[in-house]
Amino acid sequence: MNIIIIIPLFLTLLLSGGYTWAQQDAYEIIKTGNAFIVKSKNYSPTSLEVSRTGLDCSTASLNEELNFSKIKGFIDEEMATIFLNIKIQVRVYIDFQGEINNVYFISENDPSEYPIDYGRIEEIVQRKYRVENNKNCLPIEENRYISWYIPLFEL
């Protein structure tokens, strides 16, 4: 009787773990001097033309618009604790319309030990963040971006 319960439980755990690893395989972790960068394997941030924000841009207002509280409800408590422990941030590239187009993650501590679904987090970030109130911070040209760091944790 116990074997009938154990086998399906084992298979469920095995398959769910496989899903997490499959998600992580789409991303690579690169160790730099003081940080770890997590990016999609087919993404190259060096191919983007980045503009500086103008003098009339209020970075405090932009920071209010692009902060963790907008997506906090989509992150469970366990994942929020992991994000705090590894001090992870997301770097977003914002186009002239205020849309998030490109994303990668940067953390102070090694994130490779944790089962983080970067694809899901990237999808949440791209769907929930948009610059609407600070249009004067956006680039003027269509093929240029501004970049911004958003901590994915609260102290």
N, C-alpha and C. Protein backbone atom coordinates (compact mmCIF):
# COMPACT_ATOMS: atom_id res chain seq x y z
N MET A 1 0.82 -1.20 0.00
CA MET A 1 0.00 0.00 0.00
C MET A 1 0.86 1.26 0.00
N ASN A 2 1.92 1.25 0.80
CA ASN A 2 2.80 2.42 0.86
C ASN A 2 3.50 2.68 -0.47
N ILE A 3 3.83 1.63 -1.19
CA ILE A 3 4.49 1.78 -2.48
C ILE A 3 3.60 2.50 -3.49
N ILE A 4 2.28 2.28 -3.39
CA ILE A 4 1.33 2.92 -4.29
C ILE A 4 1.30 4.44 -4.04
N ILE A 5 1.51 4.85 -2.83
CA ILE A 5 1.52 6.27 -2.49
C ILE A 5 2.89 6.89 -2.82
N ILE A 6 3.95 6.17 -2.58
CA ILE A 6 5.30 6.70 -2.75
C ILE A 6 5.65 6.91 -4.22
N ILE A 7 5.31 5.99 -5.09
CA ILE A 7 5.68 6.10 -6.51
C ILE A 7 5.09 7.36 -7.16
N PRO A 8 3.78 7.63 -7.05
CA PRO A 8 3.26 8.87 -7.65
C PRO A 8 3.87 10.13 -7.03
N LEU A 9 4.11 10.10 -5.72
CA LEU A 9 4.73 11.24 -5.06
C LEU A 9 6.13 11.47 -5.60
N PHE A 10 6.90 10.43 -5.73
CA PHE A 10 8.25 10.52 -6.27
C PHE A 10 8.24 11.05 -7.70
N LEU A 11 7.34 10.53 -8.52
CA LEU A 11 7.25 10.99 -9.91
C LEU A 11 6.86 12.46 -9.99
N THR A 12 5.95 12.88 -9.15
CA THR A 12 5.55 14.29 -9.12
C THR A 12 6.72 15.19 -8.76
N LEU A 13 7.45 14.83 -7.72
CA LEU A 13 8.62 15.61 -7.32
C LEU A 13 9.69 15.63 -8.41
N LEU A 14 9.90 14.50 -9.03
CA LEU A 14 10.89 14.40 -10.09
C LEU A 14 10.52 15.28 -11.28
N LEU A 15 9.27 15.22 -11.70
CA LEU A 15 8.83 16.00 -12.85
C LEU A 15 8.78 17.49 -12.55
N SER A 16 8.36 17.89 -11.37
CA SER A 16 8.32 19.32 -11.04
C SER A 16 9.74 19.88 -10.94
N GLY A 17 10.67 19.11 -10.42
CA GLY A 17 12.06 19.54 -10.39
C GLY A 17 12.63 19.68 -11.78
N GLY A 18 12.23 18.80 -12.68
CA GLY A 18 12.68 18.89 -14.07
C GLY A 18 12.20 20.15 -14.75
N TYR A 19 10.99 20.60 -14.39
CA TYR A 19 10.47 21.84 -14.97
C TYR A 19 11.32 23.02 -14.53
N THR A 20 11.67 23.07 -13.24
CA THR A 20 12.48 24.17 -12.74
C THR A 20 13.83 24.20 -13.43
N TRP A 21 14.46 23.03 -13.57
CA TRP A 21 15.77 23.01 -14.22
C TRP A 21 15.66 23.37 -15.69
N ALA A 22 14.58 22.99 -16.34
CA ALA A 22 14.40 23.36 -17.75
C ALA A 22 14.30 24.86 -17.89
N GLN A 23 13.62 25.52 -16.94
CA GLN A 23 13.52 26.98 -16.98
C GLN A 23 14.89 27.62 -16.76
N GLN A 24 15.66 27.06 -15.85
CA GLN A 24 16.97 27.63 -15.57
C GLN A 24 17.93 27.41 -16.72
N ASP A 25 17.74 26.36 -17.51
CA ASP A 25 18.63 26.10 -18.64
C ASP A 25 18.56 27.18 -19.70
N ALA A 26 17.47 27.93 -19.77
CA ALA A 26 17.33 29.00 -20.75
C ALA A 26 18.12 30.24 -20.33
N TYR A 27 18.62 30.25 -19.10
CA TYR A 27 19.37 31.38 -18.57
C TYR A 27 20.76 30.93 -18.16
N GLU A 28 21.70 31.86 -18.22
CA GLU A 28 23.05 31.54 -17.78
C GLU A 28 23.46 32.50 -16.68
N ILE A 29 24.27 32.01 -15.76
CA ILE A 29 24.76 32.82 -14.64
C ILE A 29 26.24 33.10 -14.90
N ILE A 30 26.58 34.37 -14.91
CA ILE A 30 27.95 34.80 -15.17
C ILE A 30 28.49 35.48 -13.92
N LYS A 31 29.61 35.01 -13.42
CA LYS A 31 30.25 35.60 -12.25
C LYS A 31 31.13 36.74 -12.72
N THR A 32 30.88 37.93 -12.17
CA THR A 32 31.76 39.08 -12.45
C THR A 32 32.54 39.36 -11.17
N GLY A 33 33.25 40.45 -11.12
CA GLY A 33 34.06 40.76 -9.95
C GLY A 33 33.30 40.71 -8.63
N ASN A 34 32.21 41.46 -8.53
CA ASN A 34 31.47 41.55 -7.27
C ASN A 34 30.03 41.10 -7.35
N ALA A 35 29.63 40.54 -8.48
CA ALA A 35 28.22 40.21 -8.65
C ALA A 35 28.04 39.00 -9.55
N PHE A 36 26.80 38.56 -9.63
CA PHE A 36 26.40 37.48 -10.52
C PHE A 36 25.35 38.04 -11.47
N ILE A 37 25.54 37.83 -12.74
CA ILE A 37 24.58 38.29 -13.75
C ILE A 37 23.83 37.06 -14.27
N VAL A 38 22.51 37.17 -14.33
CA VAL A 38 21.67 36.10 -14.86
C VAL A 38 20.96 36.67 -16.08
N LYS A 39 21.23 36.07 -17.22
CA LYS A 39 20.62 36.58 -18.45
C LYS A 39 20.19 35.42 -19.33
N SER A 40 19.26 35.72 -20.20
CA SER A 40 18.82 34.74 -21.18
C SER A 40 20.00 34.39 -22.07
N LYS A 41 20.13 33.15 -22.45
CA LYS A 41 21.27 32.73 -23.26
C LYS A 41 21.30 33.41 -24.63
N ASN A 42 20.15 33.84 -25.13
CA ASN A 42 20.14 34.48 -26.45
C ASN A 42 20.07 36.00 -26.36
N TYR A 43 20.41 36.57 -25.22
CA TYR A 43 20.32 38.01 -25.00
C TYR A 43 21.70 38.62 -24.86
N SER A 44 21.92 39.73 -25.57
CA SER A 44 23.19 40.44 -25.49
C SER A 44 22.93 41.92 -25.23
N PRO A 45 23.13 42.37 -23.98
CA PRO A 45 22.86 43.78 -23.68
C PRO A 45 23.81 44.75 -24.38
N THR A 46 24.91 44.28 -24.89
CA THR A 46 25.85 45.17 -25.57
C THR A 46 25.35 45.64 -26.92
N SER A 47 24.30 45.00 -27.44
CA SER A 47 23.76 45.40 -28.74
C SER A 47 22.75 46.54 -28.64
N LEU A 48 22.47 47.02 -27.44
CA LEU A 48 21.50 48.09 -27.24
C LEU A 48 22.17 49.45 -27.16
N GLU A 49 21.51 50.45 -27.73
CA GLU A 49 21.99 51.82 -27.61
C GLU A 49 21.26 52.47 -26.45
N VAL A 50 22.02 52.83 -25.42
CA VAL A 50 21.43 53.36 -24.20
C VAL A 50 21.64 54.87 -24.14
N SER A 51 20.57 55.59 -23.81
CA SER A 51 20.63 57.04 -23.63
C SER A 51 20.64 57.36 -22.14
N ARG A 52 21.18 58.51 -21.81
CA ARG A 52 21.10 58.99 -20.44
C ARG A 52 19.76 59.69 -20.25
N THR A 53 19.29 59.69 -19.02
CA THR A 53 18.07 60.45 -18.76
C THR A 53 18.40 61.93 -18.80
N GLY A 54 17.46 62.74 -19.25
CA GLY A 54 17.68 64.18 -19.38
C GLY A 54 17.71 64.88 -18.04
N LEU A 55 18.13 66.14 -18.07
CA LEU A 55 18.20 66.94 -16.85
C LEU A 55 16.81 67.21 -16.26
N ASP A 56 15.79 67.21 -17.11
CA ASP A 56 14.44 67.47 -16.62
C ASP A 56 13.76 66.21 -16.09
N CYS A 57 14.48 65.09 -16.07
CA CYS A 57 13.93 63.83 -15.56
C CYS A 57 14.12 63.76 -14.05
N SER A 58 13.05 63.47 -13.34
CA SER A 58 13.12 63.30 -11.90
C SER A 58 13.36 61.82 -11.60
N THR A 59 14.58 61.49 -11.22
CA THR A 59 14.89 60.09 -10.95
C THR A 59 14.13 59.58 -9.72
N ALA A 60 13.80 60.48 -8.80
CA ALA A 60 13.01 60.07 -7.63
C ALA A 60 11.61 59.64 -8.08
N SER A 61 11.01 60.40 -9.00
CA SER A 61 9.68 60.04 -9.51
C SER A 61 9.74 58.75 -10.31
N LEU A 62 10.79 58.60 -11.10
CA LEU A 62 10.96 57.38 -11.90
C LEU A 62 11.14 56.18 -10.98
N ASN A 63 11.87 56.38 -9.91
CA ASN A 63 12.08 55.31 -8.93
C ASN A 63 10.77 54.91 -8.26
N GLU A 64 9.89 55.88 -8.00
CA GLU A 64 8.57 55.56 -7.43
C GLU A 64 7.73 54.75 -8.41
N GLU A 65 7.86 55.06 -9.69
CA GLU A 65 7.07 54.37 -10.71
C GLU A 65 7.60 52.95 -10.98
N LEU A 66 8.89 52.78 -10.85
CA LEU A 66 9.52 51.48 -11.12
C LEU A 66 10.10 50.90 -9.83
N ASN A 67 9.24 50.42 -8.96
CA ASN A 67 9.74 49.83 -7.71
C ASN A 67 9.10 48.47 -7.46
N PHE A 68 9.64 47.77 -6.50
CA PHE A 68 9.25 46.39 -6.21
C PHE A 68 7.78 46.25 -5.82
N SER A 69 7.20 47.27 -5.21
CA SER A 69 5.83 47.15 -4.72
C SER A 69 4.83 46.83 -5.84
N LYS A 70 5.14 47.18 -7.08
CA LYS A 70 4.22 46.90 -8.19
C LYS A 70 4.08 45.40 -8.48
N ILE A 71 5.12 44.63 -8.18
CA ILE A 71 5.06 43.19 -8.48
C ILE A 71 5.12 42.33 -7.22
N LYS A 72 5.17 42.96 -6.08
CA LYS A 72 5.30 42.22 -4.82
C LYS A 72 4.21 41.16 -4.65
N GLY A 73 2.99 41.45 -5.08
CA GLY A 73 1.89 40.51 -4.96
C GLY A 73 2.03 39.27 -5.82
N PHE A 74 2.92 39.30 -6.81
CA PHE A 74 3.13 38.17 -7.70
C PHE A 74 4.28 37.27 -7.24
N ILE A 75 4.96 37.66 -6.17
CA ILE A 75 6.10 36.92 -5.64
C ILE A 75 5.68 36.32 -4.30
N ASP A 76 5.80 34.99 -4.17
CA ASP A 76 5.41 34.37 -2.90
C ASP A 76 6.46 34.68 -1.83
N GLU A 77 6.10 34.40 -0.59
CA GLU A 77 6.95 34.75 0.55
C GLU A 77 8.31 34.04 0.52
N GLU A 78 8.31 32.79 0.12
CA GLU A 78 9.57 32.04 0.03
C GLU A 78 10.51 32.66 -1.00
N MET A 79 9.98 33.02 -2.17
CA MET A 79 10.80 33.62 -3.22
C MET A 79 11.27 35.02 -2.80
N ALA A 80 10.42 35.76 -2.09
CA ALA A 80 10.81 37.09 -1.60
C ALA A 80 12.00 36.97 -0.63
N THR A 81 11.98 35.93 0.20
CA THR A 81 13.09 35.70 1.13
C THR A 81 14.37 35.36 0.37
N ILE A 82 14.26 34.53 -0.65
CA ILE A 82 15.42 34.19 -1.48
C ILE A 82 15.97 35.45 -2.14
N PHE A 83 15.09 36.26 -2.72
CA PHE A 83 15.52 37.50 -3.38
C PHE A 83 16.25 38.41 -2.41
N LEU A 84 15.75 38.51 -1.18
CA LEU A 84 16.41 39.33 -0.17
C LEU A 84 17.78 38.76 0.18
N ASN A 85 17.87 37.44 0.34
CA ASN A 85 19.14 36.80 0.71
C ASN A 85 20.22 36.97 -0.36
N ILE A 86 19.83 36.91 -1.62
CA ILE A 86 20.84 37.03 -2.68
C ILE A 86 20.95 38.46 -3.20
N LYS A 87 20.11 39.34 -2.70
CA LYS A 87 20.12 40.77 -3.09
C LYS A 87 20.03 40.91 -4.61
N ILE A 88 18.95 40.40 -5.17
CA ILE A 88 18.80 40.41 -6.62
C ILE A 88 18.05 41.66 -7.09
N GLN A 89 18.49 42.17 -8.22
CA GLN A 89 17.86 43.31 -8.88
C GLN A 89 17.61 42.91 -10.33
N VAL A 90 16.70 43.62 -10.95
CA VAL A 90 16.48 43.42 -12.37
C VAL A 90 16.89 44.72 -13.07
N ARG A 91 17.65 44.58 -14.13
CA ARG A 91 17.99 45.75 -14.95
C ARG A 91 17.07 45.72 -16.15
N VAL A 92 16.33 46.79 -16.32
CA VAL A 92 15.37 46.87 -17.42
C VAL A 92 15.82 47.92 -18.41
N TYR A 93 15.50 47.69 -19.66
CA TYR A 93 15.75 48.65 -20.74
C TYR A 93 14.39 49.12 -21.24
N ILE A 94 14.19 50.42 -21.21
CA ILE A 94 12.89 51.01 -21.50
C ILE A 94 12.98 51.78 -22.81
N ASP A 95 12.01 51.53 -23.70
CA ASP A 95 12.03 52.20 -25.01
C ASP A 95 11.34 53.56 -24.95
N PHE A 96 11.25 54.21 -26.09
CA PHE A 96 10.72 55.57 -26.17
C PHE A 96 9.23 55.64 -25.85
N GLN A 97 8.53 54.50 -25.82
CA GLN A 97 7.10 54.47 -25.49
C GLN A 97 6.86 54.13 -24.02
N GLY A 98 7.92 53.84 -23.28
CA GLY A 98 7.80 53.49 -21.87
C GLY A 98 7.66 52.01 -21.60
N GLU A 99 7.82 51.19 -22.64
CA GLU A 99 7.69 49.73 -22.51
C GLU A 99 9.03 49.12 -22.09
N ILE A 100 8.96 48.07 -21.29
CA ILE A 100 10.14 47.30 -20.92
C ILE A 100 10.41 46.31 -22.05
N ASN A 101 11.58 46.40 -22.67
CA ASN A 101 11.90 45.52 -23.79
C ASN A 101 12.91 44.45 -23.46
N ASN A 102 13.89 44.78 -22.67
CA ASN A 102 14.96 43.84 -22.37
C ASN A 102 15.21 43.82 -20.87
N VAL A 103 15.57 42.64 -20.38
CA VAL A 103 15.71 42.43 -18.94
C VAL A 103 16.88 41.50 -18.68
N TYR A 104 17.64 41.79 -17.64
CA TYR A 104 18.52 40.78 -17.07
C TYR A 104 18.62 41.02 -15.57
N PHE A 105 19.12 40.03 -14.85
CA PHE A 105 19.15 40.08 -13.39
C PHE A 105 20.59 40.19 -12.91
N ILE A 106 20.77 40.84 -11.78
CA ILE A 106 22.09 40.96 -11.18
C ILE A 106 21.92 40.78 -9.67
N SER A 107 22.79 39.97 -9.07
CA SER A 107 22.68 39.73 -7.62
C SER A 107 24.05 39.77 -6.97
N GLU A 108 24.05 40.08 -5.69
CA GLU A 108 25.30 40.14 -4.93
C GLU A 108 25.80 38.75 -4.57
N ASN A 109 24.88 37.82 -4.34
CA ASN A 109 25.23 36.46 -3.93
C ASN A 109 24.83 35.46 -5.01
N ASP A 110 25.46 34.32 -5.00
CA ASP A 110 25.27 33.30 -6.03
C ASP A 110 23.83 32.77 -6.04
N PRO A 111 23.09 33.00 -7.13
CA PRO A 111 21.71 32.53 -7.21
C PRO A 111 21.56 31.10 -7.73
N SER A 112 22.66 30.45 -8.08
CA SER A 112 22.58 29.14 -8.74
C SER A 112 22.02 28.04 -7.84
N GLU A 113 22.08 28.22 -6.53
CA GLU A 113 21.59 27.21 -5.60
C GLU A 113 20.07 27.22 -5.45
N TYR A 114 19.43 28.24 -5.96
CA TYR A 114 18.00 28.43 -5.71
C TYR A 114 17.18 28.14 -6.96
N PRO A 115 16.00 27.53 -6.77
CA PRO A 115 15.13 27.21 -7.92
C PRO A 115 14.29 28.41 -8.36
N ILE A 116 14.93 29.38 -8.99
CA ILE A 116 14.25 30.60 -9.41
C ILE A 116 13.81 30.44 -10.86
N ASP A 117 12.56 30.73 -11.12
CA ASP A 117 12.03 30.69 -12.49
C ASP A 117 12.20 32.08 -13.10
N TYR A 118 13.36 32.31 -13.69
CA TYR A 118 13.69 33.63 -14.24
C TYR A 118 12.74 34.02 -15.37
N GLY A 119 12.30 33.07 -16.15
CA GLY A 119 11.36 33.35 -17.24
C GLY A 119 10.06 33.93 -16.71
N ARG A 120 9.55 33.38 -15.63
CA ARG A 120 8.32 33.88 -15.03
C ARG A 120 8.52 35.28 -14.47
N ILE A 121 9.62 35.50 -13.77
CA ILE A 121 9.90 36.81 -13.19
C ILE A 121 10.08 37.84 -14.31
N GLU A 122 10.78 37.47 -15.37
CA GLU A 122 10.96 38.37 -16.50
C GLU A 122 9.61 38.73 -17.13
N GLU A 123 8.75 37.76 -17.26
CA GLU A 123 7.42 37.99 -17.83
C GLU A 123 6.60 38.94 -16.95
N ILE A 124 6.66 38.75 -15.64
CA ILE A 124 5.95 39.63 -14.71
C ILE A 124 6.49 41.06 -14.83
N VAL A 125 7.80 41.20 -14.85
CA VAL A 125 8.42 42.52 -14.96
C VAL A 125 7.99 43.21 -16.25
N GLN A 126 8.02 42.49 -17.36
CA GLN A 126 7.66 43.11 -18.64
C GLN A 126 6.17 43.46 -18.71
N ARG A 127 5.33 42.71 -18.03
CA ARG A 127 3.90 42.99 -18.08
C ARG A 127 3.47 44.10 -17.12
N LYS A 128 4.08 44.14 -15.95
CA LYS A 128 3.59 45.04 -14.90
C LYS A 128 4.26 46.41 -14.88
N TYR A 129 5.46 46.52 -15.39
CA TYR A 129 6.15 47.81 -15.37
C TYR A 129 5.98 48.53 -16.70
N ARG A 130 5.73 49.82 -16.59
CA ARG A 130 5.61 50.69 -17.75
C ARG A 130 5.79 52.12 -17.25
N VAL A 131 6.56 52.91 -17.97
CA VAL A 131 6.74 54.31 -17.60
C VAL A 131 5.60 55.10 -18.23
N GLU A 132 4.73 55.63 -17.38
CA GLU A 132 3.58 56.41 -17.86
C GLU A 132 3.60 57.84 -17.33
N ASN A 133 4.11 58.04 -16.13
CA ASN A 133 4.08 59.36 -15.51
C ASN A 133 5.34 60.17 -15.73
N ASN A 134 6.39 59.56 -16.20
CA ASN A 134 7.67 60.25 -16.36
C ASN A 134 8.16 60.18 -17.80
N LYS A 135 7.33 60.61 -18.72
CA LYS A 135 7.65 60.55 -20.15
C LYS A 135 8.90 61.36 -20.49
N ASN A 136 9.17 62.42 -19.71
CA ASN A 136 10.35 63.24 -19.97
C ASN A 136 11.65 62.49 -19.69
N CYS A 137 11.59 61.32 -19.07
CA CYS A 137 12.78 60.50 -18.80
C CYS A 137 13.09 59.55 -19.96
N LEU A 138 12.14 59.37 -20.87
CA LEU A 138 12.30 58.38 -21.94
C LEU A 138 13.17 58.91 -23.07
N PRO A 139 13.81 58.02 -23.79
CA PRO A 139 14.61 58.46 -24.94
C PRO A 139 13.71 59.01 -26.05
N ILE A 140 14.25 59.90 -26.83
CA ILE A 140 13.47 60.51 -27.91
C ILE A 140 13.46 59.62 -29.15
N GLU A 141 14.58 58.99 -29.43
CA GLU A 141 14.72 58.17 -30.63
C GLU A 141 14.15 56.77 -30.45
N GLU A 142 13.63 56.23 -31.52
CA GLU A 142 12.96 54.93 -31.49
C GLU A 142 13.89 53.77 -31.16
N ASN A 143 15.13 53.82 -31.59
CA ASN A 143 16.04 52.69 -31.41
C ASN A 143 16.96 52.84 -30.20
N ARG A 144 16.62 53.72 -29.29
CA ARG A 144 17.42 53.92 -28.08
C ARG A 144 16.62 53.56 -26.84
N TYR A 145 17.33 53.32 -25.75
CA TYR A 145 16.71 52.88 -24.50
C TYR A 145 17.33 53.63 -23.33
N ILE A 146 16.59 53.68 -22.23
CA ILE A 146 17.19 54.05 -20.95
C ILE A 146 17.22 52.77 -20.13
N SER A 147 18.16 52.68 -19.23
CA SER A 147 18.22 51.50 -18.37
C SER A 147 17.97 51.92 -16.93
N TRP A 148 17.42 50.98 -16.17
CA TRP A 148 17.07 51.26 -14.78
C TRP A 148 17.19 49.97 -13.98
N TYR A 149 17.68 50.09 -12.76
CA TYR A 149 17.77 48.94 -11.85
C TYR A 149 16.59 48.97 -10.89
N ILE A 150 15.94 47.83 -10.74
CA ILE A 150 14.82 47.68 -9.80
C ILE A 150 15.16 46.57 -8.81
N PRO A 151 15.38 46.89 -7.53
CA PRO A 151 15.60 45.82 -6.55
C PRO A 151 14.35 44.95 -6.44
N LEU A 152 14.54 43.64 -6.39
CA LEU A 152 13.41 42.71 -6.26
C LEU A 152 13.27 42.23 -4.83
N PHE A 153 13.53 43.14 -3.89
CA PHE A 153 13.42 42.81 -2.47
C PHE A 153 13.17 44.09 -1.70
N GLU A 154 12.68 43.93 -0.48
CA GLU A 154 12.50 45.06 0.43
C GLU A 154 13.29 44.78 1.70
N LEU A 155 13.93 45.78 2.20
CA LEU A 155 14.70 45.62 3.45
C LEU A 155 13.80 45.78 4.65
